[in-house]
């Protein structure tokens, strides 16, 4: 196999230097920050592009899926306008949960995912949607085209995780969960986040 002629001489920033996907909004790339085995909350450092430790997971529940973000997306006004009750975007890249039948135990990997739905999440008035996708070329999930094609228990686990992962004992949670939506609305959210990104980072 010959070496590619076009390649990055320097590590590209995972948020700004990678492509959104092959055929967004349906088929996207996901940069994975957290695996289902992580007891720590990792998050991309927006300045350097390296993964940093944010905090230990507060609850005893583990992430039920791979968790990261879609490159070159941004949760701004357009994403917020798609969720009733959201005051503004959280100014972060769009989060994505990727389901895979085979365990993937490494973070800081890039994978191809197919969007099937999403979960509306509002954190202190800011929209923080979680796109739900399946790993491309995963034979066990290949027939899932919409979130309704997935086992209900998987969606329940995602809802439970995001309803508890920021809970602090003795305090009221500031995270509220909205509706679970299918692929068509998820496509709108991804497209809006791409447009929000273009507006935010291509300003003259």
Foldseek 3Di string as FASTA:
>chain_A
DDDDPDDDPDDAQQAARDDQADDPPFKGKWAFQFFQVAQFDWAQDVPPSDIDTDGGFQDPHGALFTKGAGHLFFFFDQLQVLDPQAPTAPGDGAMEGEDAPDGDHDGRDMFMWGFWWWWWKAALRHTRIYTYTYGPPRVVCVPRRHPVPDDPVSVVSNVVCVVPRPDDPPDDGRMDIDDITTDVSSRSSRVSRNVVSCVVPVDD
